[in-house]
Amino acid sequence: MKTDGRRKSTNVEDRRGRGGGGAIALGGGGLGIVGIILFLLLGGNPTELINNNATAPNQPYVETEQDRELADFVSVVLADTEDIWTELFQQQGLTYENPTLVLYTGQVDTACGYGSAAAGPFYCPGDQKLYIDLQFYNELQTTFKAPGDFAMAYVIAHEVGHHVQTLLGISDQVMPLRQKMSEEQFNKYLVRFELQADYFAGVWAHHAQGRGYLERGDLQEAITAAGAVGDDTIQKRARGYVVPESFTHGTATQRIYWFEHGFELGTIAGGDTFNETEK
């Protein structure tokens, strides 16, 4: 992705090295793309995750050259999302409010509770902020076999997609359902919610390409990342089989389909994942 000489967002909050504490952000409050999914799908106890991370010592943070480059990169991606979503909202007669991207290391306090790098990047609707530990970039390459800067751009765009859902009122319609149905039933809505964020990530990529920002291979990097974080892919890699009723983000096929669909259409209106029955 072309980033040289391009605008960086001013809506970046650097909390690296500060640590955090409190209650972990799980479920609809904090929407992590990978870590929480993997932990819960494998039968992990949320209390164990809280205790393990709450007692972890804070390590002094020293920014590396790679960290600096990544921080600059995600700032440019965030600026792209600001410009593109502002324009798309204006076309609908709406006003887009820019989210804040928080860079942190290890653990962080949010309006949704306590966040941990073990949960991967996530969005908190309570404070309208995206949270990311930049070490996740290395995890994408090594654990999930999804290298490339545009794989990371897809992750940012997905979390911004959750912000779009918040501004459009979709989050307020979906999340209260958690209290009205079984976990298995609600997971079906949660999958559609996450797939819509993938669709919105594709919409952003459509317009980023239209502005000449994408390079050869970028789109495939995003598609690889979307497939790598599918619920079925994660479960198969971790334990050799899948449990569909525990899915919370969608299969690899579904995630790729909705990202590509958003990339193809480039419109807000095409992302009604809740009434789609085939994918």
C-alpha atoms as a PDB file:
ATOM      1  CA  MET A   1       0.000   0.000   0.000  1.00  0.00           C
ATOM      2  CA  LYS A   2       1.352   3.409  -0.962  1.00  0.00           C
ATOM      3  CA  THR A   3       1.914   5.565   2.115  1.00  0.00           C
ATOM      4  CA  ASP A   4       4.909   7.802   1.364  1.00  0.00           C
ATOM      5  CA  GLY A   5       4.143  11.491   1.813  1.00  0.00           C
ATOM      6  CA  ARG A   6       0.507  10.867   2.677  1.00  0.00           C
ATOM      7  CA  ARG A   7      -1.568  12.354   5.465  1.00  0.00           C
ATOM      8  CA  LYS A   8      -1.452  10.776   8.900  1.00  0.00           C
ATOM      9  CA  SER A   9      -4.436  10.911  11.200  1.00  0.00           C
ATOM     10  CA  THR A  10      -4.291  13.201  14.212  1.00  0.00           C
ATOM     11  CA  ASN A  11      -6.747  10.916  16.011  1.00  0.00           C
ATOM     12  CA  VAL A  12      -4.088   8.569  17.366  1.00  0.00           C
ATOM     13  CA  GLU A  13      -3.525   8.185  21.108  1.00  0.00           C
ATOM     14  CA  ASP A  14      -0.215   6.614  22.113  1.00  0.00           C
ATOM     15  CA  ARG A  15      -0.439   4.697  25.404  1.00  0.00           C
ATOM     16  CA  ARG A  16       2.398   2.284  24.734  1.00  0.00           C
ATOM     17  CA  GLY A  17       4.247   1.311  27.860  1.00  0.00           C
ATOM     18  CA  ARG A  18       1.599   2.597  30.266  1.00  0.00           C
ATOM     19  CA  GLY A  19      -0.101  -0.686  31.143  1.00  0.00           C
ATOM     20  CA  GLY A  20      -3.668  -0.947  32.404  1.00  0.00           C
ATOM     21  CA  GLY A  21      -6.062  -2.870  34.616  1.00  0.00           C
ATOM     22  CA  GLY A  22      -9.654  -3.563  35.517  1.00  0.00           C
ATOM     23  CA  ALA A  23     -12.233  -5.914  34.026  1.00  0.00           C
ATOM     24  CA  ILE A  24     -11.575  -7.434  30.626  1.00  0.00           C
ATOM     25  CA  ALA A  25     -13.589  -6.237  27.631  1.00  0.00           C
ATOM     26  CA  LEU A  26     -15.430  -9.287  26.287  1.00  0.00           C
ATOM     27  CA  GLY A  27     -18.342  -9.803  23.903  1.00  0.00           C
ATOM     28  CA  GLY A  28     -20.261  -6.860  22.509  1.00  0.00           C
ATOM     29  CA  GLY A  29     -18.365  -4.294  24.554  1.00  0.00           C
ATOM     30  CA  GLY A  30     -14.940  -4.936  23.103  1.00  0.00           C
ATOM     31  CA  LEU A  31     -14.879  -6.565  19.690  1.00  0.00           C
ATOM     32  CA  GLY A  32     -11.488  -8.220  19.158  1.00  0.00           C
ATOM     33  CA  ILE A  33     -10.833  -9.818  15.796  1.00  0.00           C
ATOM     34  CA  VAL A  34      -8.808 -12.860  16.841  1.00  0.00           C
ATOM     35  CA  GLY A  35      -7.571 -13.334  20.380  1.00  0.00           C
ATOM     36  CA  ILE A  36     -10.858 -13.532  22.266  1.00  0.00           C
ATOM     37  CA  ILE A  37     -12.328 -15.694  19.517  1.00  0.00           C
ATOM     38  CA  LEU A  38      -9.510 -18.207  19.748  1.00  0.00           C
ATOM     39  CA  PHE A  39      -9.532 -18.262  23.550  1.00  0.00           C
ATOM     40  CA  LEU A  40     -13.278 -18.787  23.915  1.00  0.00           C
ATOM     41  CA  LEU A  41     -13.648 -21.179  20.974  1.00  0.00           C
ATOM     42  CA  LEU A  42     -11.128 -23.468  22.632  1.00  0.00           C
ATOM     43  CA  GLY A  43     -13.158 -23.542  25.846  1.00  0.00           C
ATOM     44  CA  GLY A  44     -11.144 -20.999  27.805  1.00  0.00           C
ATOM     45  CA  ASN A  45     -12.478 -19.486  31.009  1.00  0.00           C
ATOM     46  CA  PRO A  46     -12.746 -15.655  30.756  1.00  0.00           C
ATOM     47  CA  THR A  47     -11.793 -15.392  34.448  1.00  0.00           C
ATOM     48  CA  GLU A  48      -8.533 -17.161  33.707  1.00  0.00           C
ATOM     49  CA  LEU A  49      -7.769 -14.696  30.915  1.00  0.00           C
ATOM     50  CA  ILE A  50      -8.471 -11.786  33.274  1.00  0.00           C
ATOM     51  CA  ASN A  51      -6.289 -13.153  36.053  1.00  0.00           C
ATOM     52  CA  ASN A  52      -3.402 -14.083  33.801  1.00  0.00           C
ATOM     53  CA  ASN A  53      -3.247 -10.643  32.229  1.00  0.00           C
ATOM     54  CA  ALA A  54      -4.079  -8.572  35.286  1.00  0.00           C
ATOM     55  CA  THR A  55      -1.037  -9.954  37.089  1.00  0.00           C
ATOM     56  CA  ALA A  56       1.352  -9.631  34.151  1.00  0.00           C
ATOM     57  CA  PRO A  57       4.177  -7.200  34.941  1.00  0.00           C
ATOM     58  CA  ASN A  58       4.449  -4.015  32.946  1.00  0.00           C
ATOM     59  CA  GLN A  59       7.570  -4.070  30.812  1.00  0.00           C
ATOM     60  CA  PRO A  60       9.457  -0.870  29.931  1.00  0.00           C
ATOM     61  CA  TYR A  61       8.578   0.079  26.389  1.00  0.00           C
ATOM     62  CA  VAL A  62      11.249   1.047  23.884  1.00  0.00           C
ATOM     63  CA  GLU A  63      10.035   1.856  20.375  1.00  0.00           C
ATOM     64  CA  THR A  64      11.811  -0.091  17.656  1.00  0.00           C
ATOM     65  CA  GLU A  65      12.203   1.041  14.071  1.00  0.00           C
ATOM     66  CA  GLN A  66       9.549  -1.481  13.024  1.00  0.00           C
ATOM     67  CA  ASP A  67       7.196  -0.100  15.696  1.00  0.00           C
ATOM     68  CA  ARG A  68       7.691   3.419  14.394  1.00  0.00           C
ATOM     69  CA  GLU A  69       7.039   2.370  10.816  1.00  0.00           C
ATOM     70  CA  LEU A  70       3.929   0.423  11.842  1.00  0.00           C
ATOM     71  CA  ALA A  71       2.613   3.338  13.896  1.00  0.00           C
ATOM     72  CA  ASP A  72       3.057   5.614  10.877  1.00  0.00           C
ATOM     73  CA  PHE A  73       1.377   3.046   8.622  1.00  0.00           C
ATOM     74  CA  VAL A  74      -1.733   2.530  10.756  1.00  0.00           C
ATOM     75  CA  SER A  75      -2.004   6.306  11.135  1.00  0.00           C
ATOM     76  CA  VAL A  76      -2.120   6.678   7.348  1.00  0.00           C
ATOM     77  CA  VAL A  77      -4.701   3.871   7.077  1.00  0.00           C
ATOM     78  CA  LEU A  78      -6.815   5.555   9.753  1.00  0.00           C
ATOM     79  CA  ALA A  79      -6.608   8.844   7.833  1.00  0.00           C
ATOM     80  CA  ASP A  80      -7.831   7.013   4.717  1.00  0.00           C
ATOM     81  CA  THR A  81     -10.821   5.640   6.595  1.00  0.00           C
ATOM     82  CA  GLU A  82     -11.612   9.124   7.893  1.00  0.00           C
ATOM     83  CA  ASP A  83     -11.622  10.634   4.412  1.00  0.00           C
ATOM     84  CA  ILE A  84     -13.525   7.810   2.738  1.00  0.00           C
ATOM     85  CA  TRP A  85     -16.194   7.275   5.391  1.00  0.00           C
ATOM     86  CA  THR A  86     -16.749  11.024   5.746  1.00  0.00           C
ATOM     87  CA  GLU A  87     -17.488  11.165   2.031  1.00  0.00           C
ATOM     88  CA  LEU A  88     -19.733   8.081   2.079  1.00  0.00           C
ATOM     89  CA  PHE A  89     -21.718   9.364   5.042  1.00  0.00           C
ATOM     90  CA  GLN A  90     -22.166  12.745   3.380  1.00  0.00           C
ATOM     91  CA  GLN A  91     -23.651  10.992   0.354  1.00  0.00           C
ATOM     92  CA  GLN A  92     -26.289   9.563   2.710  1.00  0.00           C
ATOM     93  CA  GLY A  93     -26.951  12.929   4.357  1.00  0.00           C
ATOM     94  CA  LEU A  94     -25.160  11.769   7.512  1.00  0.00           C
ATOM     95  CA  THR A  95     -22.202  13.026   9.526  1.00  0.00           C
ATOM     96  CA  TYR A  96     -19.240  10.755  10.137  1.00  0.00           C
ATOM     97  CA  GLU A  97     -17.512  11.122  13.499  1.00  0.00           C
ATOM     98  CA  ASN A  98     -13.867  10.074  13.484  1.00  0.00           C
ATOM     99  CA  PRO A  99     -12.890   7.369  15.974  1.00  0.00           C
ATOM    100  CA  THR A 100      -9.627   7.442  17.916  1.00  0.00           C
ATOM    101  CA  LEU A 101      -6.981   4.783  17.440  1.00  0.00           C
ATOM    102  CA  VAL A 102      -5.217   3.854  20.688  1.00  0.00           C
ATOM    103  CA  LEU A 103      -1.779   2.256  20.465  1.00  0.00           C
ATOM    104  CA  TYR A 104      -0.919   0.253  23.572  1.00  0.00           C
ATOM    105  CA  THR A 105       1.312  -2.539  24.784  1.00  0.00           C
ATOM    106  CA  GLY A 106       0.185  -5.505  26.828  1.00  0.00           C
ATOM    107  CA  GLN A 107      -2.961  -4.206  28.487  1.00  0.00           C
ATOM    108  CA  VAL A 108      -5.186  -1.156  28.417  1.00  0.00           C
ATOM    109  CA  ASP A 109      -8.176   0.428  30.167  1.00  0.00           C
ATOM    110  CA  THR A 110     -11.204   1.179  28.001  1.00  0.00           C
ATOM    111  CA  ALA A 111     -14.797   2.318  28.466  1.00  0.00           C
ATOM    112  CA  CYS A 112     -15.734  -1.313  27.749  1.00  0.00           C
ATOM    113  CA  GLY A 113     -13.496  -2.676  30.490  1.00  0.00           C
ATOM    114  CA  TYR A 114     -10.019  -4.102  30.511  1.00  0.00           C
ATOM    115  CA  GLY A 115      -8.358  -4.917  27.189  1.00  0.00           C
ATOM    116  CA  SER A 116      -5.418  -7.213  26.580  1.00  0.00           C
ATOM    117  CA  ALA A 117      -3.074  -7.728  23.657  1.00  0.00           C
ATOM    118  CA  ALA A 118      -4.033 -11.415  23.941  1.00  0.00           C
ATOM    119  CA  ALA A 119      -7.448 -10.425  22.576  1.00  0.00           C
ATOM    120  CA  GLY A 120      -6.048  -8.885  19.412  1.00  0.00           C
ATOM    121  CA  PRO A 121      -7.205  -5.521  18.009  1.00  0.00           C
ATOM    122  CA  PHE A 122     -10.693  -4.481  19.107  1.00  0.00           C
ATOM    123  CA  TYR A 123     -13.190  -1.628  19.039  1.00  0.00           C
ATOM    124  CA  CYS A 124     -15.038  -0.201  22.037  1.00  0.00           C
ATOM    125  CA  PRO A 125     -18.358   1.492  21.228  1.00  0.00           C
ATOM    126  CA  GLY A 126     -18.438   3.016  24.712  1.00  0.00           C
ATOM    127  CA  ASP A 127     -15.625   5.440  23.903  1.00  0.00           C
ATOM    128  CA  GLN A 128     -15.618   5.012  20.107  1.00  0.00           C
ATOM    129  CA  LYS A 129     -11.967   4.003  20.093  1.00  0.00           C
ATOM    130  CA  LEU A 130      -9.984   1.307  18.297  1.00  0.00           C
ATOM    131  CA  TYR A 131      -7.311  -0.443  20.353  1.00  0.00           C
ATOM    132  CA  ILE A 132      -4.282  -2.212  18.947  1.00  0.00           C
ATOM    133  CA  ASP A 133      -0.974  -3.572  20.169  1.00  0.00           C
ATOM    134  CA  LEU A 134       1.283  -3.342  17.114  1.00  0.00           C
ATOM    135  CA  GLN A 135       2.846  -6.697  17.953  1.00  0.00           C
ATOM    136  CA  PHE A 136      -0.270  -8.164  16.371  1.00  0.00           C
ATOM    137  CA  TYR A 137       1.376  -7.469  13.009  1.00  0.00           C
ATOM    138  CA  ASN A 138       3.973 -10.130  13.823  1.00  0.00           C
ATOM    139  CA  GLU A 139       1.218 -12.515  14.935  1.00  0.00           C
ATOM    140  CA  LEU A 140      -0.546 -12.056  11.600  1.00  0.00           C
ATOM    141  CA  GLN A 141       2.620 -13.098   9.785  1.00  0.00           C
ATOM    142  CA  THR A 142       3.725 -15.984  12.007  1.00  0.00           C
ATOM    143  CA  THR A 143       0.652 -17.511  13.646  1.00  0.00           C
ATOM    144  CA  PHE A 144      -1.949 -16.738  10.997  1.00  0.00           C
ATOM    145  CA  LYS A 145       0.336 -16.880   7.938  1.00  0.00           C
ATOM    146  CA  ALA A 146      -1.099 -13.615   6.617  1.00  0.00           C
ATOM    147  CA  PRO A 147       1.880 -11.390   5.798  1.00  0.00           C
ATOM    148  CA  GLY A 148       1.896  -7.966   4.197  1.00  0.00           C
ATOM    149  CA  ASP A 149       1.027  -4.436   5.170  1.00  0.00           C
ATOM    150  CA  PHE A 150      -2.432  -4.633   3.620  1.00  0.00           C
ATOM    151  CA  ALA A 151      -3.292  -7.558   5.880  1.00  0.00           C
ATOM    152  CA  MET A 152      -2.795  -5.126   8.747  1.00  0.00           C
ATOM    153  CA  ALA A 153      -4.791  -2.478   6.866  1.00  0.00           C
ATOM    154  CA  TYR A 154      -7.680  -4.964   6.602  1.00  0.00           C
ATOM    155  CA  VAL A 155      -7.600  -5.458  10.385  1.00  0.00           C
ATOM    156  CA  ILE A 156      -7.789  -1.703  10.997  1.00  0.00           C
ATOM    157  CA  ALA A 157     -10.553  -1.332   8.413  1.00  0.00           C
ATOM    158  CA  HIS A 158     -12.549  -4.148  10.052  1.00  0.00           C
ATOM    159  CA  GLU A 159     -12.436  -2.425  13.444  1.00  0.00           C
ATOM    160  CA  VAL A 160     -13.407   0.867  11.809  1.00  0.00           C
ATOM    161  CA  GLY A 161     -16.287  -1.112  10.316  1.00  0.00           C
ATOM    162  CA  HIS A 162     -17.532  -1.678  13.869  1.00  0.00           C
ATOM    163  CA  HIS A 163     -17.368   2.089  14.401  1.00  0.00           C
ATOM    164  CA  VAL A 164     -19.481   2.578  11.290  1.00  0.00           C
ATOM    165  CA  GLN A 165     -22.002   0.116  12.742  1.00  0.00           C
ATOM    166  CA  THR A 166     -22.095   2.159  15.950  1.00  0.00           C
ATOM    167  CA  LEU A 167     -22.729   5.411  14.091  1.00  0.00           C
ATOM    168  CA  LEU A 168     -25.454   3.812  11.963  1.00  0.00           C
ATOM    169  CA  GLY A 169     -27.212   2.445  15.057  1.00  0.00           C
ATOM    170  CA  ILE A 170     -26.658  -1.184  14.089  1.00  0.00           C
ATOM    171  CA  SER A 171     -24.724  -2.025  17.253  1.00  0.00           C
ATOM    172  CA  ASP A 172     -27.609  -0.790  19.398  1.00  0.00           C
ATOM    173  CA  GLN A 173     -29.981  -3.101  17.545  1.00  0.00           C
ATOM    174  CA  VAL A 174     -27.829  -6.233  17.734  1.00  0.00           C
ATOM    175  CA  MET A 175     -26.088  -6.226  21.115  1.00  0.00           C
ATOM    176  CA  PRO A 176     -29.225  -6.123  23.319  1.00  0.00           C
ATOM    177  CA  LEU A 177     -30.261  -9.437  21.745  1.00  0.00           C
ATOM    178  CA  ARG A 178     -27.613 -11.098  23.914  1.00  0.00           C
ATOM    179  CA  GLN A 179     -29.951 -10.785  26.901  1.00  0.00           C
ATOM    180  CA  LYS A 180     -32.970 -12.182  25.043  1.00  0.00           C
ATOM    181  CA  MET A 181     -31.736 -15.481  23.635  1.00  0.00           C
ATOM    182  CA  SER A 182     -29.353 -18.363  24.200  1.00  0.00           C
ATOM    183  CA  GLU A 183     -25.664 -18.026  23.489  1.00  0.00           C
ATOM    184  CA  GLU A 184     -25.955 -20.310  20.472  1.00  0.00           C
ATOM    185  CA  GLN A 185     -28.821 -18.237  19.049  1.00  0.00           C
ATOM    186  CA  PHE A 186     -27.043 -14.938  19.676  1.00  0.00           C
ATOM    187  CA  ASN A 187     -23.849 -16.232  18.055  1.00  0.00           C
ATOM    188  CA  LYS A 188     -25.729 -16.383  14.746  1.00  0.00           C
ATOM    189  CA  TYR A 189     -26.422 -12.656  14.976  1.00  0.00           C
ATOM    190  CA  LEU A 190     -22.876 -11.979  16.136  1.00  0.00           C
ATOM    191  CA  VAL A 191     -21.518 -13.750  13.061  1.00  0.00           C
ATOM    192  CA  ARG A 192     -23.647 -11.540  10.796  1.00  0.00           C
ATOM    193  CA  PHE A 193     -22.505  -8.495  12.759  1.00  0.00           C
ATOM    194  CA  GLU A 194     -18.855  -9.376  12.217  1.00  0.00           C
ATOM    195  CA  LEU A 195     -19.381 -10.206   8.549  1.00  0.00           C
ATOM    196  CA  GLN A 196     -20.880  -6.760   8.078  1.00  0.00           C
ATOM    197  CA  ALA A 197     -17.691  -5.239   9.509  1.00  0.00           C
ATOM    198  CA  ASP A 198     -15.776  -7.280   6.924  1.00  0.00           C
ATOM    199  CA  TYR A 199     -18.069  -5.903   4.225  1.00  0.00           C
ATOM    200  CA  PHE A 200     -17.382  -2.339   5.391  1.00  0.00           C
ATOM    201  CA  ALA A 201     -13.645  -3.108   5.319  1.00  0.00           C
ATOM    202  CA  GLY A 202     -14.110  -4.101   1.685  1.00  0.00           C
ATOM    203  CA  VAL A 203     -16.003  -0.880   0.979  1.00  0.00           C
ATOM    204  CA  TRP A 204     -13.057   1.095   2.330  1.00  0.00           C
ATOM    205  CA  ALA A 205     -10.611  -0.933   0.207  1.00  0.00           C
ATOM    206  CA  HIS A 206     -12.762  -0.268  -2.892  1.00  0.00           C
ATOM    207  CA  HIS A 207     -12.390   3.475  -2.472  1.00  0.00           C
ATOM    208  CA  ALA A 208      -8.739   3.262  -1.424  1.00  0.00           C
ATOM    209  CA  GLN A 209      -8.053   1.499  -4.715  1.00  0.00           C
ATOM    210  CA  GLY A 210     -10.025   4.179  -6.546  1.00  0.00           C
ATOM    211  CA  ARG A 211      -7.690   6.775  -5.102  1.00  0.00           C
ATOM    212  CA  GLY A 212      -4.640   4.859  -6.340  1.00  0.00           C
ATOM    213  CA  TYR A 213      -3.394   3.770  -2.923  1.00  0.00           C
ATOM    214  CA  LEU A 214      -3.308   0.006  -3.490  1.00  0.00           C
ATOM    215  CA  GLU A 215      -0.332  -1.809  -4.956  1.00  0.00           C
ATOM    216  CA  ARG A 216      -0.010  -5.165  -6.685  1.00  0.00           C
ATOM    217  CA  GLY A 217      -0.764  -7.957  -4.221  1.00  0.00           C
ATOM    218  CA  ASP A 218      -2.523  -5.785  -1.628  1.00  0.00           C
ATOM    219  CA  LEU A 219      -5.991  -7.166  -2.242  1.00  0.00           C
ATOM    220  CA  GLN A 220      -4.747 -10.746  -1.965  1.00  0.00           C
ATOM    221  CA  GLU A 221      -3.056  -9.913   1.347  1.00  0.00           C
ATOM    222  CA  ALA A 222      -6.391  -8.756   2.765  1.00  0.00           C
ATOM    223  CA  ILE A 223      -8.203 -11.822   1.413  1.00  0.00           C
ATOM    224  CA  THR A 224      -5.588 -14.112   2.946  1.00  0.00           C
ATOM    225  CA  ALA A 225      -5.982 -12.358   6.300  1.00  0.00           C
ATOM    226  CA  ALA A 226      -9.788 -12.590   6.164  1.00  0.00           C
ATOM    227  CA  GLY A 227      -9.572 -16.326   5.521  1.00  0.00           C
ATOM    228  CA  ALA A 228      -6.925 -16.842   8.188  1.00  0.00           C
ATOM    229  CA  VAL A 229      -9.166 -15.448  10.931  1.00  0.00           C
ATOM    230  CA  GLY A 230     -12.261 -17.415   9.963  1.00  0.00           C
ATOM    231  CA  ASP A 231     -13.689 -19.356  12.894  1.00  0.00           C
ATOM    232  CA  ASP A 232     -13.328 -22.684  11.097  1.00  0.00           C
ATOM    233  CA  THR A 233      -9.717 -21.965  10.127  1.00  0.00           C
ATOM    234  CA  ILE A 234      -8.797 -21.056  13.683  1.00  0.00           C
ATOM    235  CA  GLN A 235     -10.520 -24.092  15.192  1.00  0.00           C
ATOM    236  CA  LYS A 236      -9.062 -26.543  12.683  1.00  0.00           C
ATOM    237  CA  ARG A 237      -5.555 -25.232  13.269  1.00  0.00           C
ATOM    238  CA  ALA A 238      -5.918 -25.259  17.050  1.00  0.00           C
ATOM    239  CA  ARG A 239      -7.667 -28.571  17.663  1.00  0.00           C
ATOM    240  CA  GLY A 240      -8.288 -30.307  14.348  1.00  0.00           C
ATOM    241  CA  TYR A 241     -12.069 -29.980  14.158  1.00  0.00           C
ATOM    242  CA  VAL A 242     -14.772 -27.310  14.172  1.00  0.00           C
ATOM    243  CA  VAL A 243     -17.816 -26.563  16.330  1.00  0.00           C
ATOM    244  CA  PRO A 244     -20.119 -24.414  14.129  1.00  0.00           C
ATOM    245  CA  GLU A 245     -22.493 -23.461  16.955  1.00  0.00           C
ATOM    246  CA  SER A 246     -19.601 -21.714  18.703  1.00  0.00           C
ATOM    247  CA  PHE A 247     -18.725 -19.544  15.687  1.00  0.00           C
ATOM    248  CA  THR A 248     -18.777 -15.812  16.442  1.00  0.00           C
ATOM    249  CA  HIS A 249     -17.106 -14.213  13.396  1.00  0.00           C
ATOM    250  CA  GLY A 250     -17.938 -16.457  10.447  1.00  0.00           C
ATOM    251  CA  THR A 251     -16.120 -19.042   8.376  1.00  0.00           C
ATOM    252  CA  ALA A 252     -13.161 -18.246   6.164  1.00  0.00           C
ATOM    253  CA  THR A 253     -15.427 -18.508   3.110  1.00  0.00           C
ATOM    254  CA  GLN A 254     -17.955 -16.113   4.616  1.00  0.00           C
ATOM    255  CA  ARG A 255     -15.370 -13.547   5.677  1.00  0.00           C
ATOM    256  CA  ILE A 256     -13.675 -13.561   2.300  1.00  0.00           C
ATOM    257  CA  TYR A 257     -17.027 -13.361   0.491  1.00  0.00           C
ATOM    258  CA  TRP A 258     -18.230 -10.310   2.410  1.00  0.00           C
ATOM    259  CA  PHE A 259     -14.906  -8.487   2.172  1.00  0.00           C
ATOM    260  CA  GLU A 260     -14.836  -9.090  -1.581  1.00  0.00           C
ATOM    261  CA  HIS A 261     -18.509  -8.108  -1.875  1.00  0.00           C
ATOM    262  CA  GLY A 262     -17.779  -4.790  -0.175  1.00  0.00           C
ATOM    263  CA  PHE A 263     -14.764  -4.301  -2.401  1.00  0.00           C
ATOM    264  CA  GLU A 264     -16.885  -4.946  -5.478  1.00  0.00           C
ATOM    265  CA  LEU A 265     -19.818  -2.684  -4.582  1.00  0.00           C
ATOM    266  CA  GLY A 266     -18.216   0.092  -2.537  1.00  0.00           C
ATOM    267  CA  THR A 267     -21.554   1.175  -1.033  1.00  0.00           C
ATOM    268  CA  ILE A 268     -23.049   1.189   2.459  1.00  0.00           C
ATOM    269  CA  ALA A 269     -26.353  -0.200   1.181  1.00  0.00           C
ATOM    270  CA  GLY A 270     -24.918  -3.508  -0.042  1.00  0.00           C
ATOM    271  CA  GLY A 271     -23.911  -4.738   3.392  1.00  0.00           C
ATOM    272  CA  ASP A 272     -27.131  -6.180   4.791  1.00  0.00           C
ATOM    273  CA  THR A 273     -25.554  -9.384   6.055  1.00  0.00           C
ATOM    274  CA  PHE A 274     -28.453 -10.035   8.436  1.00  0.00           C
ATOM    275  CA  ASN A 275     -30.933 -10.778   5.638  1.00  0.00           C
ATOM    276  CA  GLU A 276     -28.507 -12.666   3.430  1.00  0.00           C
ATOM    277  CA  THR A 277     -29.214 -16.407   3.512  1.00  0.00           C
ATOM    278  CA  GLU A 278     -26.673 -17.874   1.111  1.00  0.00           C
ATOM    279  CA  LYS A 279     -23.387 -16.666   2.561  1.00  0.00           C
END
